[in-house]
Amino acid sequence: MKPYRDLILSRTERKPPALEALLASEGLPGLRGDHDLNPPEGNVWVEPEDRGSLRPAAVLVGVIEHAHGPHVLLTRRADHLGSHSGQVAFPGGKIEPGESPAEAAIREAEEEVGLDPAHVEVAGYLDAYETGTGFRILPVVGFVRPGFTLTISPDEVAEAFEVPFDFLMDPGNHERHHAMWRGKRREYYAMPYNGHYIWGATAGMLKNMYDRLYGA
């Protein structure tokens, strides 16, 4: 078995948490988030106006299994979107009623970039990631078989691109940046690559993937 496959299959969760557990205010094991680099005040990270309505979401961390080495599929969100416009993101979105996280992530990948679900093999789940804007995101890791053709949805995505898995899993590329947000200094991970600024929640989830696969 290829080393990255063995690591992903052995060090990610086999089953996703139940929706109730994903949205629980306390006790979700391994919960990661924007708070990793920004200690919460009063043990509350999500802004008070967002705390009462945590929303479940799922993203596809698609590991494309090229013969020359694995790459990860990422997108740049459309510039006209009302939130997070122009930012680098995994394909993904809200978990609809009756959907599993894997179904939501794969559906969103098909809607956003035209990735055929037949090319995706669900491998496992990373720790849930909480954003300061009230989302609990479950990253779904999937092995993606090459040979697909993407069709970008311009309503949601400006472009799709690939980044070498080895680059993203190199701690030397896990930079710490900061910015002012809602009047407070916030630190975040960033992994600039070939003109693309991978940062925030996307970089945070990739850092979690590194921790799960290669950490102690």
N, C-alpha and C. Protein backbone atom coordinates (compact mmCIF):
# COMPACT_ATOMS: atom_id res chain seq x y z
N MET A 1 0.85 -1.20 0.00
CA MET A 1 0.00 0.00 0.00
C MET A 1 0.88 1.25 0.00
N LYS A 2 0.46 2.28 -0.73
CA LYS A 2 1.23 3.52 -0.78
C LYS A 2 1.24 4.16 0.60
N PRO A 3 2.38 4.76 1.00
CA PRO A 3 2.50 5.30 2.37
C PRO A 3 1.40 6.27 2.75
N TYR A 4 1.03 7.19 1.84
CA TYR A 4 0.00 8.16 2.20
C TYR A 4 -1.35 7.48 2.38
N ARG A 5 -1.62 6.45 1.60
CA ARG A 5 -2.88 5.71 1.75
C ARG A 5 -2.93 5.03 3.12
N ASP A 6 -1.84 4.39 3.47
CA ASP A 6 -1.78 3.69 4.75
C ASP A 6 -1.99 4.65 5.90
N LEU A 7 -1.35 5.82 5.82
CA LEU A 7 -1.50 6.81 6.89
C LEU A 7 -2.94 7.31 6.99
N ILE A 8 -3.52 7.65 5.85
CA ILE A 8 -4.89 8.19 5.85
C ILE A 8 -5.88 7.16 6.38
N LEU A 9 -5.75 5.92 5.94
CA LEU A 9 -6.69 4.89 6.35
C LEU A 9 -6.51 4.50 7.81
N SER A 10 -5.30 4.62 8.33
CA SER A 10 -5.05 4.19 9.71
C SER A 10 -5.21 5.31 10.73
N ARG A 11 -5.16 6.58 10.29
CA ARG A 11 -5.14 7.67 11.26
C ARG A 11 -6.29 8.67 11.10
N THR A 12 -7.27 8.33 10.29
CA THR A 12 -8.49 9.13 10.24
C THR A 12 -9.63 8.30 10.83
N GLU A 13 -10.71 8.98 11.16
CA GLU A 13 -11.86 8.29 11.74
C GLU A 13 -12.60 7.50 10.67
N ARG A 14 -13.04 6.32 11.04
CA ARG A 14 -13.76 5.48 10.08
C ARG A 14 -15.21 5.93 9.91
N LYS A 15 -15.80 6.50 10.96
CA LYS A 15 -17.20 6.91 10.92
C LYS A 15 -17.30 8.37 11.33
N PRO A 16 -18.25 9.10 10.76
CA PRO A 16 -18.45 10.50 11.17
C PRO A 16 -19.24 10.56 12.46
N PRO A 17 -19.13 11.67 13.20
CA PRO A 17 -19.98 11.82 14.38
C PRO A 17 -21.43 12.02 13.95
N ALA A 18 -22.35 11.65 14.82
CA ALA A 18 -23.76 11.94 14.56
C ALA A 18 -23.95 13.45 14.52
N LEU A 19 -24.97 13.89 13.79
CA LEU A 19 -25.21 15.32 13.64
C LEU A 19 -25.36 16.00 15.00
N GLU A 20 -26.03 15.34 15.92
CA GLU A 20 -26.22 15.93 17.25
C GLU A 20 -24.88 16.13 17.95
N ALA A 21 -23.98 15.17 17.79
CA ALA A 21 -22.65 15.28 18.40
C ALA A 21 -21.82 16.35 17.71
N LEU A 22 -21.96 16.44 16.39
CA LEU A 22 -21.21 17.44 15.64
C LEU A 22 -21.55 18.85 16.11
N LEU A 23 -22.80 19.08 16.47
CA LEU A 23 -23.25 20.41 16.86
C LEU A 23 -23.31 20.62 18.37
N ALA A 24 -22.89 19.61 19.13
CA ALA A 24 -22.96 19.72 20.59
C ALA A 24 -22.08 20.86 21.08
N SER A 25 -22.57 21.59 22.08
CA SER A 25 -21.82 22.73 22.61
C SER A 25 -20.62 22.29 23.42
N GLU A 26 -20.63 21.06 23.90
CA GLU A 26 -19.53 20.55 24.70
C GLU A 26 -19.29 19.08 24.34
N GLY A 27 -18.05 18.65 24.55
CA GLY A 27 -17.76 17.22 24.51
C GLY A 27 -17.49 16.62 23.15
N LEU A 28 -17.28 17.44 22.10
CA LEU A 28 -16.95 16.87 20.80
C LEU A 28 -15.45 16.59 20.77
N PRO A 29 -15.05 15.33 20.76
CA PRO A 29 -13.62 15.00 20.84
C PRO A 29 -12.84 15.58 19.66
N GLY A 30 -11.66 16.12 19.97
CA GLY A 30 -10.75 16.56 18.93
C GLY A 30 -11.15 17.83 18.20
N LEU A 31 -12.16 18.55 18.67
CA LEU A 31 -12.65 19.72 17.94
C LEU A 31 -11.51 20.70 17.69
N ARG A 32 -11.32 21.06 16.43
CA ARG A 32 -10.33 22.05 16.04
C ARG A 32 -11.06 23.30 15.58
N GLY A 33 -10.30 24.35 15.28
CA GLY A 33 -10.97 25.54 14.79
C GLY A 33 -10.10 26.76 14.77
N ASP A 34 -10.72 27.88 14.44
CA ASP A 34 -10.02 29.15 14.42
C ASP A 34 -9.42 29.47 15.78
N HIS A 35 -9.99 28.88 16.83
CA HIS A 35 -9.50 29.13 18.18
C HIS A 35 -8.15 28.48 18.46
N ASP A 36 -7.65 27.59 17.56
CA ASP A 36 -6.39 26.90 17.83
C ASP A 36 -5.25 27.88 18.07
N LEU A 37 -5.25 28.98 17.33
CA LEU A 37 -4.19 29.98 17.47
C LEU A 37 -4.68 31.23 18.19
N ASN A 38 -5.94 31.22 18.60
CA ASN A 38 -6.54 32.38 19.25
C ASN A 38 -7.31 31.92 20.47
N PRO A 39 -6.67 31.86 21.64
CA PRO A 39 -7.36 31.36 22.83
C PRO A 39 -8.68 32.08 23.05
N PRO A 40 -9.77 31.33 23.24
CA PRO A 40 -11.08 31.96 23.42
C PRO A 40 -11.17 32.71 24.73
N GLU A 41 -11.97 33.75 24.71
CA GLU A 41 -12.20 34.52 25.93
C GLU A 41 -13.43 33.95 26.62
N GLY A 42 -13.23 33.53 27.87
CA GLY A 42 -14.35 32.94 28.59
C GLY A 42 -14.78 31.61 28.00
N ASN A 43 -13.84 30.89 27.37
CA ASN A 43 -14.09 29.58 26.77
C ASN A 43 -15.15 29.64 25.66
N VAL A 44 -15.31 30.80 25.06
CA VAL A 44 -16.23 30.94 23.94
C VAL A 44 -15.46 31.49 22.75
N TRP A 45 -15.42 30.73 21.67
CA TRP A 45 -14.72 31.23 20.50
C TRP A 45 -15.69 31.82 19.50
N VAL A 46 -16.73 31.08 19.15
CA VAL A 46 -17.69 31.59 18.18
C VAL A 46 -18.29 32.88 18.72
N GLU A 47 -18.42 33.86 17.86
CA GLU A 47 -18.96 35.14 18.30
C GLU A 47 -20.36 34.93 18.91
N PRO A 48 -20.70 35.66 19.97
CA PRO A 48 -21.97 35.43 20.68
C PRO A 48 -23.19 35.43 19.77
N GLU A 49 -23.18 36.29 18.75
CA GLU A 49 -24.36 36.36 17.88
C GLU A 49 -24.48 35.12 16.99
N ASP A 50 -23.40 34.35 16.87
CA ASP A 50 -23.43 33.14 16.04
C ASP A 50 -23.55 31.87 16.86
N ARG A 51 -23.33 31.95 18.17
CA ARG A 51 -23.28 30.74 18.99
C ARG A 51 -24.60 29.99 19.02
N GLY A 52 -25.70 30.70 18.97
CA GLY A 52 -26.99 30.04 19.10
C GLY A 52 -27.43 29.29 17.86
N SER A 53 -26.69 29.39 16.77
CA SER A 53 -27.14 28.75 15.53
C SER A 53 -25.97 28.12 14.79
N LEU A 54 -25.22 27.24 15.47
CA LEU A 54 -24.16 26.52 14.80
C LEU A 54 -24.73 25.74 13.62
N ARG A 55 -24.03 25.81 12.49
CA ARG A 55 -24.53 25.18 11.27
C ARG A 55 -23.58 24.08 10.82
N PRO A 56 -24.12 22.90 10.50
CA PRO A 56 -23.25 21.79 10.08
C PRO A 56 -22.86 21.90 8.61
N ALA A 57 -21.61 21.62 8.31
CA ALA A 57 -21.13 21.64 6.94
C ALA A 57 -20.11 20.52 6.76
N ALA A 58 -19.84 20.18 5.52
CA ALA A 58 -18.84 19.16 5.21
C ALA A 58 -18.06 19.60 3.98
N VAL A 59 -16.79 19.26 3.95
CA VAL A 59 -15.95 19.56 2.79
C VAL A 59 -15.25 18.29 2.35
N LEU A 60 -14.89 18.25 1.08
CA LEU A 60 -14.16 17.11 0.53
C LEU A 60 -12.69 17.44 0.43
N VAL A 61 -11.88 16.74 1.21
CA VAL A 61 -10.43 16.83 1.09
C VAL A 61 -10.04 15.75 0.09
N GLY A 62 -10.07 16.12 -1.19
CA GLY A 62 -9.88 15.15 -2.26
C GLY A 62 -8.41 14.93 -2.56
N VAL A 63 -7.93 13.72 -2.29
CA VAL A 63 -6.53 13.35 -2.56
C VAL A 63 -6.49 12.64 -3.91
N ILE A 64 -6.01 13.35 -4.91
CA ILE A 64 -5.99 12.81 -6.28
C ILE A 64 -4.77 11.92 -6.43
N GLU A 65 -5.00 10.68 -6.81
CA GLU A 65 -3.94 9.67 -6.81
C GLU A 65 -3.22 9.58 -8.16
N HIS A 66 -2.49 10.63 -8.49
CA HIS A 66 -1.70 10.62 -9.72
C HIS A 66 -0.56 9.62 -9.59
N ALA A 67 -0.12 9.08 -10.74
CA ALA A 67 1.00 8.15 -10.73
C ALA A 67 2.28 8.81 -10.24
N HIS A 68 2.43 10.12 -10.49
CA HIS A 68 3.63 10.84 -10.08
C HIS A 68 3.56 11.36 -8.65
N GLY A 69 2.46 11.09 -7.97
CA GLY A 69 2.33 11.51 -6.58
C GLY A 69 0.98 12.14 -6.31
N PRO A 70 0.47 12.05 -5.08
CA PRO A 70 -0.86 12.57 -4.76
C PRO A 70 -0.89 14.09 -4.72
N HIS A 71 -2.02 14.64 -5.14
CA HIS A 71 -2.29 16.07 -5.06
C HIS A 71 -3.63 16.27 -4.35
N VAL A 72 -3.87 17.46 -3.84
CA VAL A 72 -5.12 17.79 -3.18
C VAL A 72 -5.89 18.80 -4.03
N LEU A 73 -7.18 18.54 -4.21
CA LEU A 73 -8.05 19.41 -5.01
C LEU A 73 -8.55 20.57 -4.17
N LEU A 74 -8.34 21.79 -4.68
CA LEU A 74 -8.81 22.99 -4.00
C LEU A 74 -9.53 23.89 -5.01
N THR A 75 -10.29 24.84 -4.50
CA THR A 75 -10.98 25.79 -5.37
C THR A 75 -10.69 27.21 -4.89
N ARG A 76 -10.92 28.16 -5.77
CA ARG A 76 -10.97 29.57 -5.37
C ARG A 76 -12.39 30.04 -5.57
N ARG A 77 -12.99 30.51 -4.49
CA ARG A 77 -14.39 30.91 -4.54
C ARG A 77 -14.59 32.10 -5.46
N ALA A 78 -15.76 32.18 -6.06
CA ALA A 78 -16.07 33.25 -7.00
C ALA A 78 -15.96 34.61 -6.32
N ASP A 79 -15.51 35.60 -7.07
CA ASP A 79 -15.27 36.93 -6.51
C ASP A 79 -16.56 37.68 -6.16
N HIS A 80 -17.69 37.28 -6.74
CA HIS A 80 -18.93 38.01 -6.51
C HIS A 80 -19.73 37.48 -5.32
N LEU A 81 -19.25 36.44 -4.65
CA LEU A 81 -20.00 35.86 -3.54
C LEU A 81 -20.06 36.84 -2.37
N GLY A 82 -21.13 36.73 -1.59
CA GLY A 82 -21.32 37.66 -0.49
C GLY A 82 -20.41 37.40 0.70
N SER A 83 -19.94 36.16 0.87
CA SER A 83 -19.06 35.84 1.99
C SER A 83 -17.90 34.99 1.48
N HIS A 84 -16.73 35.26 2.03
CA HIS A 84 -15.51 34.51 1.71
C HIS A 84 -15.19 34.52 0.22
N SER A 85 -15.55 35.60 -0.46
CA SER A 85 -15.32 35.69 -1.90
C SER A 85 -13.82 35.67 -2.18
N GLY A 86 -13.46 34.97 -3.24
CA GLY A 86 -12.07 34.91 -3.68
C GLY A 86 -11.16 34.06 -2.83
N GLN A 87 -11.67 33.46 -1.77
CA GLN A 87 -10.81 32.68 -0.88
C GLN A 87 -10.64 31.25 -1.39
N VAL A 88 -9.50 30.67 -1.04
CA VAL A 88 -9.25 29.27 -1.37
C VAL A 88 -10.03 28.39 -0.41
N ALA A 89 -10.66 27.35 -0.93
CA ALA A 89 -11.51 26.48 -0.11
C ALA A 89 -11.52 25.07 -0.68
N PHE A 90 -11.90 24.13 0.16
CA PHE A 90 -12.23 22.80 -0.33
C PHE A 90 -13.63 22.84 -0.94
N PRO A 91 -13.94 21.98 -1.90
CA PRO A 91 -15.34 21.86 -2.31
C PRO A 91 -16.18 21.43 -1.11
N GLY A 92 -17.31 22.05 -0.93
CA GLY A 92 -18.14 21.66 0.21
C GLY A 92 -19.19 22.70 0.53
N GLY A 93 -19.98 22.41 1.56
CA GLY A 93 -21.04 23.33 1.95
C GLY A 93 -21.90 22.72 3.04
N LYS A 94 -23.08 23.27 3.20
CA LYS A 94 -23.98 22.85 4.28
C LYS A 94 -24.44 21.41 4.09
N ILE A 95 -24.61 20.73 5.22
CA ILE A 95 -25.18 19.39 5.21
C ILE A 95 -26.70 19.53 5.21
N GLU A 96 -27.33 19.06 4.16
CA GLU A 96 -28.77 19.18 4.05
C GLU A 96 -29.46 18.10 4.90
N PRO A 97 -30.72 18.36 5.30
CA PRO A 97 -31.46 17.36 6.09
C PRO A 97 -31.48 16.01 5.39
N GLY A 98 -31.17 14.95 6.14
CA GLY A 98 -31.19 13.60 5.60
C GLY A 98 -29.89 13.17 4.96
N GLU A 99 -28.92 14.08 4.82
CA GLU A 99 -27.64 13.74 4.21
C GLU A 99 -26.62 13.33 5.27
N SER A 100 -25.72 12.46 4.87
CA SER A 100 -24.54 12.20 5.68
C SER A 100 -23.47 13.23 5.30
N PRO A 101 -22.46 13.44 6.14
CA PRO A 101 -21.39 14.37 5.76
C PRO A 101 -20.70 14.00 4.45
N ALA A 102 -20.47 12.71 4.23
CA ALA A 102 -19.82 12.29 2.98
C ALA A 102 -20.72 12.60 1.78
N GLU A 103 -22.01 12.34 1.91
CA GLU A 103 -22.93 12.64 0.81
C GLU A 103 -22.94 14.13 0.51
N ALA A 104 -22.92 14.96 1.56
CA ALA A 104 -22.93 16.41 1.36
C ALA A 104 -21.65 16.88 0.67
N ALA A 105 -20.51 16.38 1.13
CA ALA A 105 -19.24 16.81 0.55
C ALA A 105 -19.12 16.40 -0.91
N ILE A 106 -19.52 15.18 -1.22
CA ILE A 106 -19.43 14.69 -2.60
C ILE A 106 -20.43 15.41 -3.49
N ARG A 107 -21.63 15.65 -2.97
CA ARG A 107 -22.63 16.39 -3.76
C ARG A 107 -22.13 17.80 -4.07
N GLU A 108 -21.59 18.48 -3.06
CA GLU A 108 -21.10 19.84 -3.29
C GLU A 108 -19.94 19.85 -4.27
N ALA A 109 -19.07 18.85 -4.22
CA ALA A 109 -17.95 18.79 -5.17
C ALA A 109 -18.46 18.62 -6.59
N GLU A 110 -19.51 17.84 -6.75
CA GLU A 110 -20.09 17.67 -8.08
C GLU A 110 -20.76 18.97 -8.54
N GLU A 111 -21.47 19.65 -7.64
CA GLU A 111 -22.16 20.89 -8.01
C GLU A 111 -21.17 22.02 -8.30
N GLU A 112 -20.11 22.12 -7.51
CA GLU A 112 -19.19 23.25 -7.64
C GLU A 112 -18.19 23.09 -8.78
N VAL A 113 -17.63 21.88 -8.92
CA VAL A 113 -16.56 21.71 -9.92
C VAL A 113 -16.82 20.55 -10.87
N GLY A 114 -17.97 19.89 -10.75
CA GLY A 114 -18.30 18.82 -11.68
C GLY A 114 -17.53 17.54 -11.47
N LEU A 115 -17.03 17.31 -10.24
CA LEU A 115 -16.29 16.07 -9.96
C LEU A 115 -17.27 14.90 -9.91
N ASP A 116 -17.07 13.92 -10.77
CA ASP A 116 -17.94 12.75 -10.84
C ASP A 116 -17.80 11.94 -9.56
N PRO A 117 -18.89 11.69 -8.82
CA PRO A 117 -18.81 10.91 -7.58
C PRO A 117 -18.21 9.53 -7.78
N ALA A 118 -18.30 8.99 -8.99
CA ALA A 118 -17.75 7.66 -9.25
C ALA A 118 -16.23 7.62 -9.10
N HIS A 119 -15.61 8.80 -9.12
CA HIS A 119 -14.15 8.88 -8.98
C HIS A 119 -13.71 9.03 -7.53
N VAL A 120 -14.66 9.10 -6.60
CA VAL A 120 -14.33 9.39 -5.21
C VAL A 120 -14.56 8.17 -4.33
N GLU A 121 -13.55 7.81 -3.56
CA GLU A 121 -13.63 6.74 -2.57
C GLU A 121 -13.43 7.37 -1.19
N VAL A 122 -14.46 7.35 -0.36
CA VAL A 122 -14.33 7.93 0.97
C VAL A 122 -13.33 7.12 1.78
N ALA A 123 -12.35 7.84 2.36
CA ALA A 123 -11.27 7.18 3.10
C ALA A 123 -11.44 7.32 4.61
N GLY A 124 -11.92 8.48 5.08
CA GLY A 124 -12.05 8.69 6.51
C GLY A 124 -12.41 10.14 6.80
N TYR A 125 -12.39 10.48 8.08
CA TYR A 125 -12.83 11.80 8.53
C TYR A 125 -11.79 12.40 9.45
N LEU A 126 -11.55 13.71 9.28
CA LEU A 126 -10.69 14.45 10.18
C LEU A 126 -11.53 14.99 11.33
N ASP A 127 -10.87 15.69 12.27
CA ASP A 127 -11.61 16.30 13.36
C ASP A 127 -12.47 17.45 12.83
N ALA A 128 -13.61 17.64 13.45
CA ALA A 128 -14.48 18.76 13.07
C ALA A 128 -13.74 20.08 13.30
N TYR A 129 -14.08 21.07 12.49
CA TYR A 129 -13.43 22.38 12.55
C TYR A 129 -14.50 23.44 12.73
N GLU A 130 -14.34 24.26 13.79
CA GLU A 130 -15.31 25.30 14.08
C GLU A 130 -14.78 26.66 13.65
N THR A 131 -15.59 27.40 12.92
CA THR A 131 -15.18 28.73 12.48
C THR A 131 -15.79 29.80 13.37
N GLY A 132 -15.19 30.98 13.36
CA GLY A 132 -15.70 32.08 14.16
C GLY A 132 -17.02 32.62 13.67
N THR A 133 -17.48 32.16 12.51
CA THR A 133 -18.76 32.60 11.97
C THR A 133 -19.87 31.57 12.17
N GLY A 134 -19.59 30.55 13.02
CA GLY A 134 -20.68 29.67 13.43
C GLY A 134 -20.87 28.41 12.64
N PHE A 135 -19.86 27.95 11.90
CA PHE A 135 -19.97 26.68 11.19
C PHE A 135 -19.17 25.60 11.90
N ARG A 136 -19.71 24.40 11.95
CA ARG A 136 -18.97 23.21 12.34
C ARG A 136 -18.77 22.39 11.07
N ILE A 137 -17.54 22.33 10.62
CA ILE A 137 -17.22 21.70 9.34
C ILE A 137 -16.57 20.35 9.58
N LEU A 138 -17.08 19.32 8.95
CA LEU A 138 -16.45 18.00 9.04
C LEU A 138 -15.69 17.73 7.73
N PRO A 139 -14.37 17.63 7.79
CA PRO A 139 -13.60 17.33 6.58
C PRO A 139 -13.68 15.83 6.25
N VAL A 140 -14.12 15.53 5.04
CA VAL A 140 -14.24 14.16 4.55
C VAL A 140 -13.07 13.91 3.61
N VAL A 141 -12.18 13.00 3.98
CA VAL A 141 -11.03 12.69 3.14
C VAL A 141 -11.44 11.63 2.13
N GLY A 142 -11.17 11.90 0.86
CA GLY A 142 -11.51 10.94 -0.19
C GLY A 142 -10.37 10.74 -1.15
N PHE A 143 -10.14 9.49 -1.54
CA PHE A 143 -9.19 9.20 -2.62
C PHE A 143 -9.91 9.44 -3.95
N VAL A 144 -9.28 10.22 -4.80
CA VAL A 144 -9.89 10.58 -6.08
C VAL A 144 -9.11 9.92 -7.21
N ARG A 145 -9.79 9.12 -8.00
CA ARG A 145 -9.16 8.44 -9.12
C ARG A 145 -8.98 9.41 -10.27
N PRO A 146 -7.77 9.52 -10.83
CA PRO A 146 -7.55 10.43 -11.97
C PRO A 146 -8.38 10.01 -13.19
N GLY A 147 -8.44 10.92 -14.16
CA GLY A 147 -9.17 10.66 -15.38
C GLY A 147 -10.49 11.41 -15.46
N PHE A 148 -10.79 12.21 -14.44
CA PHE A 148 -12.04 12.98 -14.42
C PHE A 148 -11.85 14.28 -15.22
N THR A 149 -12.97 14.86 -15.59
CA THR A 149 -12.99 16.18 -16.22
C THR A 149 -13.85 17.09 -15.36
N LEU A 150 -13.30 18.25 -15.00
CA LEU A 150 -14.03 19.18 -14.16
C LEU A 150 -14.82 20.18 -14.99
N THR A 151 -15.98 20.56 -14.49
CA THR A 151 -16.80 21.61 -15.08
C THR A 151 -17.14 22.60 -13.98
N ILE A 152 -16.50 23.76 -14.01
CA ILE A 152 -16.63 24.74 -12.94
C ILE A 152 -17.98 25.43 -12.99
N SER A 153 -18.62 25.57 -11.82
CA SER A 153 -19.85 26.35 -11.72
C SER A 153 -19.47 27.80 -11.44
N PRO A 154 -19.60 28.72 -12.41
CA PRO A 154 -19.17 30.11 -12.19
C PRO A 154 -19.96 30.85 -11.13
N ASP A 155 -21.14 30.32 -10.77
CA ASP A 155 -21.92 30.96 -9.70
C ASP A 155 -21.23 30.80 -8.34
N GLU A 156 -20.38 29.78 -8.22
CA GLU A 156 -19.77 29.50 -6.92
C GLU A 156 -18.25 29.53 -6.93
N VAL A 157 -17.65 29.17 -8.05
CA VAL A 157 -16.21 28.92 -8.09
C VAL A 157 -15.55 29.68 -9.24
N ALA A 158 -14.42 30.32 -8.94
CA ALA A 158 -13.65 31.00 -9.98
C ALA A 158 -12.71 30.05 -10.69
N GLU A 159 -12.10 29.11 -9.94
CA GLU A 159 -11.19 28.14 -10.54
C GLU A 159 -10.98 26.98 -9.57
N ALA A 160 -10.53 25.87 -10.14
CA ALA A 160 -10.10 24.72 -9.36
C ALA A 160 -8.64 24.44 -9.70
N PHE A 161 -7.90 24.00 -8.70
CA PHE A 161 -6.48 23.73 -8.93
C PHE A 161 -6.03 22.64 -7.98
N GLU A 162 -4.83 22.13 -8.21
CA GLU A 162 -4.27 21.06 -7.39
C GLU A 162 -2.98 21.53 -6.73
N VAL A 163 -2.74 21.01 -5.54
CA VAL A 163 -1.51 21.29 -4.81
C VAL A 163 -0.90 19.95 -4.39
N PRO A 164 0.39 19.77 -4.56
CA PRO A 164 1.01 18.50 -4.15
C PRO A 164 0.75 18.20 -2.68
N PHE A 165 0.35 16.98 -2.41
CA PHE A 165 0.09 16.54 -1.04
C PHE A 165 1.33 16.72 -0.17
N ASP A 166 2.50 16.43 -0.71
CA ASP A 166 3.74 16.55 0.06
C ASP A 166 4.00 17.99 0.48
N PHE A 167 3.65 18.95 -0.37
CA PHE A 167 3.82 20.37 -0.02
C PHE A 167 2.93 20.72 1.17
N LEU A 168 1.69 20.30 1.12
CA LEU A 168 0.74 20.65 2.18
C LEU A 168 1.05 19.94 3.49
N MET A 169 1.69 18.79 3.41
CA MET A 169 2.03 18.04 4.62
C MET A 169 3.45 18.33 5.11
N ASP A 170 4.09 19.34 4.56
CA ASP A 170 5.43 19.75 4.99
C ASP A 170 5.28 20.86 6.03
N PRO A 171 5.66 20.61 7.30
CA PRO A 171 5.47 21.64 8.33
C PRO A 171 6.24 22.91 8.04
N GLY A 172 7.26 22.84 7.19
CA GLY A 172 7.98 24.04 6.81
C GLY A 172 7.14 25.01 6.01
N ASN A 173 6.02 24.53 5.47
CA ASN A 173 5.12 25.39 4.70
C ASN A 173 3.92 25.86 5.51
N HIS A 174 3.87 25.54 6.79
CA HIS A 174 2.75 25.92 7.64
C HIS A 174 3.08 27.24 8.33
N GLU A 175 2.82 28.33 7.64
CA GLU A 175 3.16 29.65 8.16
C GLU A 175 2.06 30.16 9.10
N ARG A 176 2.46 31.04 10.01
CA ARG A 176 1.49 31.69 10.89
C ARG A 176 1.42 33.16 10.54
N HIS A 177 0.24 33.61 10.14
CA HIS A 177 0.01 35.00 9.77
C HIS A 177 -1.01 35.59 10.74
N HIS A 178 -1.25 36.90 10.61
CA HIS A 178 -2.25 37.53 11.46
C HIS A 178 -2.93 38.67 10.72
N ALA A 179 -4.11 39.02 11.20
CA ALA A 179 -4.89 40.13 10.63
C ALA A 179 -5.86 40.61 11.70
N MET A 180 -6.43 41.80 11.48
CA MET A 180 -7.46 42.31 12.36
C MET A 180 -8.83 41.87 11.83
N TRP A 181 -9.65 41.31 12.73
CA TRP A 181 -10.99 40.85 12.34
C TRP A 181 -11.95 41.18 13.47
N ARG A 182 -13.00 41.92 13.15
CA ARG A 182 -13.98 42.37 14.14
C ARG A 182 -13.29 43.07 15.30
N GLY A 183 -12.28 43.87 14.95
CA GLY A 183 -11.61 44.68 15.94
C GLY A 183 -10.60 43.94 16.80
N LYS A 184 -10.32 42.68 16.48
CA LYS A 184 -9.38 41.90 17.27
C LYS A 184 -8.29 41.32 16.36
N ARG A 185 -7.09 41.20 16.92
CA ARG A 185 -6.01 40.54 16.19
C ARG A 185 -6.25 39.04 16.20
N ARG A 186 -6.26 38.45 15.01
CA ARG A 186 -6.45 37.02 14.88
C ARG A 186 -5.25 36.41 14.16
N GLU A 187 -4.76 35.30 14.67
CA GLU A 187 -3.71 34.55 13.99
C GLU A 187 -4.34 33.38 13.26
N TYR A 188 -3.67 32.97 12.18
CA TYR A 188 -4.19 31.86 11.39
C TYR A 188 -3.03 31.22 10.62
N TYR A 189 -3.26 29.99 10.19
CA TYR A 189 -2.29 29.31 9.35
C TYR A 189 -2.45 29.75 7.90
N ALA A 190 -1.32 29.76 7.18
CA ALA A 190 -1.33 30.07 5.75
C ALA A 190 -0.29 29.19 5.07
N MET A 191 -0.62 28.76 3.85
CA MET A 191 0.27 27.90 3.07
C MET A 191 0.30 28.42 1.63
N PRO A 192 0.94 29.56 1.40
CA PRO A 192 0.98 30.11 0.04
C PRO A 192 1.62 29.13 -0.93
N TYR A 193 0.98 28.99 -2.10
CA TYR A 193 1.50 28.04 -3.10
C TYR A 193 1.22 28.55 -4.50
N ASN A 194 2.26 28.79 -5.26
CA ASN A 194 2.16 29.08 -6.70
C ASN A 194 1.13 30.17 -7.00
N GLY A 195 1.17 31.25 -6.22
CA GLY A 195 0.25 32.37 -6.44
C GLY A 195 -1.08 32.24 -5.73
N HIS A 196 -1.33 31.11 -5.08
CA HIS A 196 -2.59 30.90 -4.35
C HIS A 196 -2.33 31.09 -2.86
N TYR A 197 -3.19 31.84 -2.20
CA TYR A 197 -3.05 32.10 -0.77
C TYR A 197 -4.01 31.19 -0.02
N ILE A 198 -3.50 30.04 0.43
CA ILE A 198 -4.29 29.07 1.18
C ILE A 198 -4.20 29.45 2.65
N TRP A 199 -5.33 29.79 3.27
CA TRP A 199 -5.25 30.32 4.63
C TRP A 199 -6.55 30.04 5.38
N GLY A 200 -6.58 30.50 6.64
CA GLY A 200 -7.80 30.41 7.42
C GLY A 200 -8.25 28.99 7.69
N ALA A 201 -9.55 28.75 7.57
CA ALA A 201 -10.11 27.44 7.88
C ALA A 201 -9.53 26.34 6.99
N THR A 202 -9.29 26.65 5.71
CA THR A 202 -8.76 25.64 4.80
C THR A 202 -7.36 25.22 5.24
N ALA A 203 -6.51 26.19 5.53
CA ALA A 203 -5.17 25.87 6.01
C ALA A 203 -5.24 25.19 7.38
N GLY A 204 -6.17 25.62 8.22
CA GLY A 204 -6.32 25.00 9.54
C GLY A 204 -6.70 23.54 9.44
N MET A 205 -7.59 23.19 8.51
CA MET A 205 -7.96 21.79 8.33
C MET A 205 -6.81 20.97 7.77
N LEU A 206 -6.01 21.58 6.89
CA LEU A 206 -4.83 20.88 6.38
C LEU A 206 -3.79 20.67 7.48
N LYS A 207 -3.66 21.66 8.37
CA LYS A 207 -2.76 21.49 9.51
C LYS A 207 -3.26 20.36 10.41
N ASN A 208 -4.56 20.26 10.61
CA ASN A 208 -5.11 19.16 11.38
C ASN A 208 -4.83 17.83 10.71
N MET A 209 -4.91 17.80 9.37
CA MET A 209 -4.60 16.57 8.65
C MET A 209 -3.15 16.18 8.89
N TYR A 210 -2.26 17.15 8.83
CA TYR A 210 -0.85 16.86 9.12
C TYR A 210 -0.70 16.30 10.54
N ASP A 211 -1.34 16.94 11.51
CA ASP A 211 -1.25 16.48 12.90
C ASP A 211 -1.76 15.05 13.04
N ARG A 212 -2.87 14.73 12.38
CA ARG A 212 -3.44 13.38 12.47
C ARG A 212 -2.51 12.35 11.82
N LEU A 213 -1.93 12.70 10.67
CA LEU A 213 -1.15 11.71 9.94
C LEU A 213 0.27 11.57 10.45
N TYR A 214 0.86 12.69 10.85
CA TYR A 214 2.29 12.68 11.15
C TYR A 214 2.62 13.09 12.58
N GLY A 215 1.63 13.51 13.36
CA GLY A 215 1.89 13.94 14.72
C GLY A 215 2.19 12.76 15.64
N ALA A 216 2.59 13.09 16.86
CA ALA A 216 2.93 12.04 17.82
C ALA A 216 1.70 11.22 18.16
